[in-house]
Amino acid sequence: MKVKTEYPRGFLVALFLLLMGTINLDAQDTINVYGVVDTISLDFDIFTEEDPASITLAFNIKEFIRNSDEDKYFDARLTYLLDDSAKIEKDIRIKARGKNRRDVCSFPPLWLNIGKADIDNKYFGDVKKIKLVTHCNSGNVNSANVLKEYLVYKMYNILSPYSFRVRLVKVKYIDTGKDNKEIDTWGFLIEPEEMVAQRLNAFALDYDHIGYELADQEETDIMSMFQYIIGNADYSILSRQNVKLLKLNDIDRPQPIPVPYDFDYSGFVNPAYAIPGDNLGISSVTERYFLGPCRSVERYNELFEYFFSKKEEIYMLIESFGYLDDRTKKVALKFLDSFFMYAGKKGYIQNNLLPTCRGVKVK
């Protein structure tokens, strides 16, 4: 059976929702592999599915890579295979993103522009673009790094609802400028900021210079300790470096909540290109460096207790993840062990957190 490839407006909404799982339609709506009705109402959240989706992106990869440092879009063809005999396709636009990864990656992460889609879905709202994290460079190690960063997002989902959700995808890239050469690898989609804000009944703050003292203490402390545990010093609330700030529509929680993202420079992921900042005084991202706010010893111990209460769930997430080999998972767990085995012991806070914490030291 050959499927038509010309679809009316509203198609891309169904594509991204079909892409992620089963769709429940109202009784009067129907979907089949020949097309999509012009107006469709879908009540489905693509980031609740755990199984990987499979997509194909066809575009001129050589031209894209050559011009990836420019802030410009490129045409691409997105294909989703419904089954062995049916597929749906749509023209979209893509562009490179990520300041650091554009410099160090031969294949930088992407924006998938779905702005022309006619979205009638309470979860998507006004979403125009979706982030796709790519493999950066060729090779199995780089695919493993994508999977490890995906796990970091999933770990933080366990620790806080104020987090970006992610969806694993198996991607086939087709280079239309080089005899349709194919690249099969892993990637993952990141929940758009608009969806996060809608899910949490919040709105984004787009200004800088909000320090630790002005941010929500509970979530700031959890985020900062998490960044320390995974060995990530590539973030800042003050300059909003790899941190989004959300303001809840809740009078009982007036302070902005930090929501972290981009964990590729962490020791947990440990890609070859990750080099710690010169000002930190460490030689490797696998050396932890605490950048969180100064708190009392009692407060740090409370945080340790919270993370220990989530340890089993976090370890189970990694151990049960079927797309990483056992050796890679063992190394990842060993890195986490280097925190959990020693945190809470005498002198740990004084030697590892207080010397580098931000703000006034608390006795």
Protein backbone atom coordinates (compact mmCIF):
# COMPACT_ATOMS: atom_id res chain seq x y z
CA MET A 1 0.00 0.00 0.00
CA LYS A 2 1.44 3.35 -0.99
CA VAL A 3 0.43 6.31 1.09
CA LYS A 4 -0.24 9.79 -0.18
CA THR A 5 2.33 12.33 0.91
CA GLU A 6 0.34 15.54 0.47
CA TYR A 7 -1.61 16.46 3.55
CA PRO A 8 -3.87 19.32 4.58
CA ARG A 9 -3.00 21.74 7.36
CA GLY A 10 -3.13 20.18 10.79
CA PHE A 11 -0.99 17.30 9.62
CA LEU A 12 2.12 18.04 11.65
CA VAL A 13 0.21 18.04 14.89
CA ALA A 14 -0.97 14.52 14.25
CA LEU A 15 2.51 13.56 13.08
CA PHE A 16 4.22 14.49 16.31
CA LEU A 17 1.51 12.89 18.36
CA LEU A 18 1.33 9.76 16.24
CA LEU A 19 5.11 9.79 16.39
CA MET A 20 5.00 9.36 20.13
CA GLY A 21 2.28 6.82 20.65
CA THR A 22 -1.37 5.91 20.39
CA ILE A 23 -3.82 8.76 19.76
CA ASN A 24 -7.27 8.92 21.28
CA LEU A 25 -9.67 10.88 19.11
CA ASP A 26 -13.10 12.26 19.77
CA ALA A 27 -15.82 10.09 18.31
CA GLN A 28 -16.41 12.39 15.34
CA ASP A 29 -12.73 12.47 14.33
CA THR A 30 -10.87 9.85 12.35
CA ILE A 31 -7.27 9.30 11.28
CA ASN A 32 -6.01 6.87 8.68
CA VAL A 33 -2.75 6.42 6.83
CA TYR A 34 -4.08 8.24 3.77
CA GLY A 35 -4.29 11.61 5.44
CA VAL A 36 -5.51 13.66 8.34
CA VAL A 37 -8.76 15.54 8.76
CA ASP A 38 -8.43 19.30 8.40
CA THR A 39 -9.29 20.08 12.01
CA ILE A 40 -8.44 17.58 14.68
CA SER A 41 -8.65 17.69 18.45
CA LEU A 42 -6.09 15.57 20.26
CA ASP A 43 -5.78 15.03 24.00
CA PHE A 44 -2.34 13.42 24.22
CA ASP A 45 0.98 14.34 25.79
CA ILE A 46 3.91 13.13 23.69
CA PHE A 47 6.34 13.17 26.61
CA THR A 48 4.50 10.58 28.68
CA GLU A 49 5.61 7.72 26.42
CA GLU A 50 8.74 5.75 27.35
CA ASP A 51 9.28 3.71 24.18
CA PRO A 52 11.53 5.34 21.58
CA ALA A 53 9.95 6.86 18.50
CA SER A 54 11.45 6.41 15.02
CA ILE A 55 11.84 9.29 12.60
CA THR A 56 13.72 10.09 9.41
CA LEU A 57 15.11 13.53 8.58
CA ALA A 58 16.22 14.10 5.00
CA PHE A 59 18.18 17.26 4.17
CA ASN A 60 21.45 18.46 2.68
CA ILE A 61 23.69 17.57 5.60
CA LYS A 62 26.90 18.88 4.04
CA GLU A 63 25.36 22.30 3.44
CA PHE A 64 23.85 22.31 6.91
CA ILE A 65 27.16 21.49 8.62
CA ARG A 66 29.06 24.02 6.51
CA ASN A 67 26.67 26.77 7.58
CA SER A 68 25.71 25.55 11.05
CA ASP A 69 27.34 28.58 12.70
CA GLU A 70 24.80 30.82 10.97
CA ASP A 71 21.40 31.53 12.45
CA LYS A 72 19.49 30.23 9.44
CA TYR A 73 16.93 27.55 8.70
CA PHE A 74 17.29 24.70 6.22
CA ASP A 75 14.55 22.75 4.51
CA ALA A 76 14.12 19.16 5.62
CA ARG A 77 11.74 16.28 5.02
CA LEU A 78 10.41 14.55 8.11
CA THR A 79 9.11 11.00 7.73
CA TYR A 80 7.43 8.72 10.20
CA LEU A 81 6.86 5.05 9.41
CA LEU A 82 3.50 3.94 10.73
CA ASP A 83 4.35 0.31 9.94
CA ASP A 84 6.24 -1.69 7.32
CA SER A 85 3.96 -0.56 4.50
CA ALA A 86 2.71 2.89 5.48
CA LYS A 87 4.36 6.21 6.12
CA ILE A 88 3.52 9.85 6.55
CA GLU A 89 5.77 12.71 5.49
CA LYS A 90 5.99 16.47 5.88
CA ASP A 91 8.31 19.31 4.92
CA ILE A 92 9.68 21.18 7.94
CA ARG A 93 12.58 23.53 8.67
CA ILE A 94 15.61 22.89 10.86
CA LYS A 95 18.52 24.90 12.19
CA ALA A 96 21.53 24.32 14.42
CA ARG A 97 21.38 25.32 18.07
CA GLY A 98 23.69 25.31 21.08
CA LYS A 99 26.57 27.78 21.42
CA ASN A 100 29.23 25.31 22.56
CA ARG A 101 28.11 22.31 20.58
CA ARG A 102 28.12 24.23 17.32
CA ASP A 103 31.86 24.67 17.85
CA VAL A 104 32.73 21.15 18.97
CA CYS A 105 30.21 19.00 17.09
CA SER A 106 30.32 18.02 13.44
CA PHE A 107 26.59 17.39 13.80
CA PRO A 108 25.17 19.97 16.26
CA PRO A 109 21.77 19.69 17.96
CA LEU A 110 18.73 20.91 16.05
CA TRP A 111 15.68 23.05 16.26
CA LEU A 112 12.72 21.38 14.52
CA ASN A 113 10.48 24.23 13.40
CA ILE A 114 6.82 23.19 13.40
CA GLY A 115 5.54 26.76 13.41
CA LYS A 116 3.26 26.30 10.42
CA ALA A 117 1.38 23.43 12.04
CA ASP A 118 -2.27 24.02 12.89
CA ILE A 119 -2.12 22.86 16.49
CA ASP A 120 -5.32 22.02 18.35
CA ASN A 121 -3.89 20.31 21.40
CA LYS A 122 -3.97 21.48 24.99
CA TYR A 123 -0.43 20.24 25.61
CA PHE A 124 1.26 21.79 22.57
CA GLY A 125 -0.40 25.19 22.98
CA ASP A 126 1.60 27.78 21.03
CA VAL A 127 4.70 25.64 20.49
CA LYS A 128 6.59 26.60 17.34
CA LYS A 129 9.91 24.79 17.82
CA ILE A 130 11.10 21.57 19.43
CA LYS A 131 14.70 20.80 20.43
CA LEU A 132 16.32 17.63 19.11
CA VAL A 133 19.53 16.55 20.84
CA THR A 134 21.81 14.85 18.31
CA HIS A 135 24.85 12.56 18.44
CA CYS A 136 27.33 15.47 17.98
CA ASN A 137 29.96 13.36 16.22
CA SER A 138 30.05 9.90 14.66
CA GLY A 139 30.81 6.76 16.63
CA ASN A 140 29.26 4.54 19.28
CA VAL A 141 30.74 6.61 22.11
CA ASN A 142 28.86 9.68 20.95
CA SER A 143 25.59 7.75 20.70
CA ALA A 144 26.19 6.55 24.25
CA ASN A 145 26.71 10.15 25.35
CA VAL A 146 23.29 11.07 23.95
CA LEU A 147 21.72 8.23 25.91
CA LYS A 148 23.53 9.22 29.11
CA GLU A 149 22.37 12.82 28.81
CA TYR A 150 18.84 11.54 28.22
CA LEU A 151 19.15 9.62 31.49
CA VAL A 152 20.25 12.78 33.31
CA TYR A 153 16.98 14.45 32.33
CA LYS A 154 15.07 11.36 33.49
CA MET A 155 16.95 11.40 36.78
CA TYR A 156 15.97 14.98 37.41
CA ASN A 157 12.35 14.11 36.56
CA ILE A 158 12.51 11.74 39.53
CA LEU A 159 13.80 14.48 41.80
CA SER A 160 11.62 17.40 40.77
CA PRO A 161 8.42 18.05 38.80
CA TYR A 162 10.02 21.37 37.81
CA SER A 163 12.04 19.75 35.08
CA PHE A 164 12.14 19.26 31.33
CA ARG A 165 10.73 15.96 30.17
CA VAL A 166 12.36 14.17 27.24
CA ARG A 167 11.46 11.59 24.60
CA LEU A 168 13.98 9.17 23.16
CA VAL A 169 14.01 8.87 19.37
CA LYS A 170 15.77 6.60 16.91
CA VAL A 171 16.77 8.89 14.06
CA LYS A 172 17.73 8.10 10.48
CA TYR A 173 19.39 11.07 8.79
CA ILE A 174 19.46 11.03 4.99
CA ASP A 175 21.95 13.32 3.25
CA THR A 176 20.11 14.53 0.15
CA GLY A 177 23.30 16.23 -1.04
CA LYS A 178 25.41 13.05 -1.00
CA ASP A 179 23.64 10.23 -2.80
CA ASN A 180 21.15 9.86 0.06
CA LYS A 181 23.81 8.58 2.45
CA GLU A 182 22.19 7.43 5.70
CA ILE A 183 23.16 7.86 9.36
CA ASP A 184 21.29 5.83 11.98
CA THR A 185 21.72 6.99 15.55
CA TRP A 186 20.03 8.07 18.77
CA GLY A 187 18.60 11.44 19.73
CA PHE A 188 15.97 12.81 22.04
CA LEU A 189 13.36 15.55 22.03
CA ILE A 190 13.18 18.06 24.88
CA GLU A 191 9.86 19.30 26.16
CA PRO A 192 9.37 22.88 24.90
CA GLU A 193 9.44 25.60 27.51
CA GLU A 194 5.86 26.56 26.65
CA MET A 195 4.69 23.05 27.49
CA VAL A 196 6.59 23.05 30.78
CA ALA A 197 5.04 26.37 31.78
CA GLN A 198 1.57 25.19 30.83
CA ARG A 199 1.97 21.89 32.68
CA LEU A 200 3.14 23.66 35.84
CA ASN A 201 0.72 26.60 35.61
CA ALA A 202 3.62 29.01 35.30
CA PHE A 203 5.22 31.49 32.93
CA ALA A 204 8.82 32.02 31.85
CA LEU A 205 10.96 34.89 33.09
CA ASP A 206 13.27 36.29 30.43
CA TYR A 207 15.52 38.59 32.42
CA ASP A 208 18.90 37.98 34.03
CA HIS A 209 20.46 38.90 37.37
CA ILE A 210 18.21 36.80 39.55
CA GLY A 211 20.61 35.41 42.11
CA TYR A 212 20.26 32.48 44.48
CA GLU A 213 18.79 34.72 47.16
CA LEU A 214 15.84 35.65 44.91
CA ALA A 215 15.09 32.17 43.58
CA ASP A 216 12.91 29.51 45.19
CA GLN A 217 15.08 28.04 47.93
CA GLU A 218 13.79 24.46 47.86
CA GLU A 219 14.14 23.98 44.10
CA THR A 220 17.40 25.94 43.96
CA ASP A 221 18.90 23.67 46.60
CA ILE A 222 17.71 20.49 44.86
CA MET A 223 18.93 21.68 41.47
CA SER A 224 22.33 22.79 42.79
CA MET A 225 22.95 19.55 44.64
CA PHE A 226 21.87 17.54 41.58
CA GLN A 227 24.30 19.48 39.39
CA TYR A 228 27.03 18.69 41.90
CA ILE A 229 26.16 14.99 41.99
CA ILE A 230 26.31 14.62 38.20
CA GLY A 231 29.49 16.71 38.06
CA ASN A 232 28.09 19.67 36.15
CA ALA A 233 29.48 23.16 36.67
CA ASP A 234 28.24 24.47 33.32
CA TYR A 235 25.27 26.43 34.62
CA SER A 236 24.33 29.70 36.31
CA ILE A 237 21.05 31.00 37.69
CA LEU A 238 22.35 34.58 37.67
CA SER A 239 23.08 34.63 33.93
CA ARG A 240 20.48 31.98 33.06
CA GLN A 241 23.19 29.76 31.62
CA ASN A 242 21.55 26.40 30.94
CA VAL A 243 18.80 27.32 33.39
CA LYS A 244 15.27 28.52 32.67
CA LEU A 245 13.36 30.49 35.29
CA LEU A 246 9.66 29.88 35.81
CA LYS A 247 7.26 31.95 37.89
CA LEU A 248 4.39 29.88 39.26
CA ASN A 249 0.89 31.31 39.28
CA ASP A 250 0.80 30.60 43.00
CA ILE A 251 0.80 33.37 45.59
CA ASP A 252 2.31 30.96 48.11
CA ARG A 253 5.42 30.48 45.94
CA PRO A 254 6.34 33.92 44.63
CA GLN A 255 10.01 33.28 43.92
CA PRO A 256 11.24 32.08 40.50
CA ILE A 257 11.96 28.38 40.11
CA PRO A 258 15.13 27.30 38.26
CA VAL A 259 14.72 24.54 35.69
CA PRO A 260 18.05 23.17 34.40
CA TYR A 261 18.87 21.76 30.96
CA ASP A 262 21.87 20.85 28.75
CA PHE A 263 23.88 18.40 30.84
CA ASP A 264 26.43 17.31 28.25
CA TYR A 265 29.32 18.99 30.09
CA SER A 266 28.69 16.90 33.20
CA GLY A 267 31.02 14.25 34.53
CA PHE A 268 28.18 11.74 34.28
CA VAL A 269 28.08 12.17 30.48
CA ASN A 270 31.79 13.04 30.16
CA PRO A 271 32.13 13.63 26.41
CA ALA A 272 35.60 14.12 24.98
CA TYR A 273 34.98 17.81 24.32
CA ALA A 274 33.90 18.68 27.89
CA ILE A 275 36.57 20.80 29.57
CA PRO A 276 35.92 22.55 32.90
CA GLY A 277 36.20 26.32 33.12
CA ASP A 278 39.64 27.71 33.90
CA ASN A 279 38.30 29.53 36.96
CA LEU A 280 37.24 26.31 38.69
CA GLY A 281 40.69 24.90 39.32
CA ILE A 282 39.79 21.34 38.34
CA SER A 283 41.30 19.32 35.51
CA SER A 284 38.31 17.17 34.51
CA VAL A 285 34.52 17.40 34.54
CA THR A 286 34.54 14.14 36.51
CA GLU A 287 35.85 16.18 39.45
CA ARG A 288 32.86 17.58 41.30
CA TYR A 289 32.73 21.31 42.03
CA PHE A 290 29.87 22.74 44.09
CA LEU A 291 28.33 25.97 42.77
CA GLY A 292 25.21 25.99 44.92
CA PRO A 293 24.28 28.54 47.57
CA CYS A 294 25.86 28.46 51.00
CA ARG A 295 23.54 26.79 53.49
CA SER A 296 23.87 25.43 57.01
CA VAL A 297 25.31 21.99 57.64
CA GLU A 298 21.85 20.92 58.78
CA ARG A 299 20.34 22.02 55.47
CA TYR A 300 22.93 20.16 53.43
CA ASN A 301 22.24 17.02 55.47
CA GLU A 302 18.52 17.42 54.76
CA LEU A 303 19.34 17.52 51.07
CA PHE A 304 21.51 14.42 51.38
CA GLU A 305 18.59 12.61 53.02
CA TYR A 306 16.31 13.58 50.16
CA PHE A 307 18.72 12.36 47.50
CA PHE A 308 19.33 9.13 49.40
CA SER A 309 15.56 8.57 49.46
CA LYS A 310 15.60 8.72 45.64
CA LYS A 311 18.80 6.71 45.14
CA GLU A 312 17.13 3.34 44.55
CA GLU A 313 14.77 4.78 41.93
CA ILE A 314 17.63 6.55 40.16
CA TYR A 315 19.82 3.45 40.12
CA MET A 316 16.92 1.34 38.87
CA LEU A 317 16.38 3.82 36.03
CA ILE A 318 19.96 3.32 34.86
CA GLU A 319 20.18 -0.43 35.48
CA SER A 320 16.95 -1.13 33.59
CA PHE A 321 17.78 1.13 30.63
CA GLY A 322 18.09 -1.28 27.74
CA TYR A 323 19.84 0.93 25.19
CA LEU A 324 23.20 1.29 26.94
CA ASP A 325 25.67 -1.57 27.24
CA ASP A 326 26.43 -2.97 30.70
CA ARG A 327 29.95 -1.55 30.80
CA THR A 328 28.74 2.01 30.16
CA LYS A 329 26.03 1.65 32.79
CA LYS A 330 28.56 0.29 35.27
CA VAL A 331 30.79 3.34 34.76
CA ALA A 332 27.81 5.67 35.17
CA LEU A 333 26.73 3.99 38.41
CA LYS A 334 30.28 4.04 39.73
CA PHE A 335 30.36 7.79 39.17
CA LEU A 336 27.18 8.20 41.23
CA ASP A 337 28.61 5.84 43.86
CA SER A 338 31.48 8.26 44.36
CA PHE A 339 28.92 10.68 45.78
CA PHE A 340 26.53 8.39 47.62
CA MET A 341 29.30 6.42 49.34
CA TYR A 342 30.77 9.51 51.00
CA ALA A 343 28.06 12.18 51.27
CA GLY A 344 26.91 12.61 54.83
CA LYS A 345 30.13 11.34 56.36
CA LYS A 346 32.09 13.48 58.77
CA GLY A 347 33.90 16.34 57.09
CA TYR A 348 32.28 15.88 53.67
CA ILE A 349 30.32 19.13 53.76
CA GLN A 350 33.22 21.11 55.20
CA ASN A 351 35.66 19.77 52.62
CA ASN A 352 33.52 19.60 49.48
CA LEU A 353 30.62 22.06 49.67
CA LEU A 354 31.44 24.97 51.94
CA PRO A 355 34.77 25.96 50.29
CA THR A 356 33.11 26.78 46.95
CA CYS A 357 29.48 27.56 47.82
CA ARG A 358 28.07 30.90 46.62
CA GLY A 359 27.14 33.65 49.05
CA VAL A 360 27.71 34.23 52.74
CA LYS A 361 28.91 31.20 54.66
CA VAL A 362 26.33 29.96 57.17
CA LYS A 363 27.54 28.69 60.53
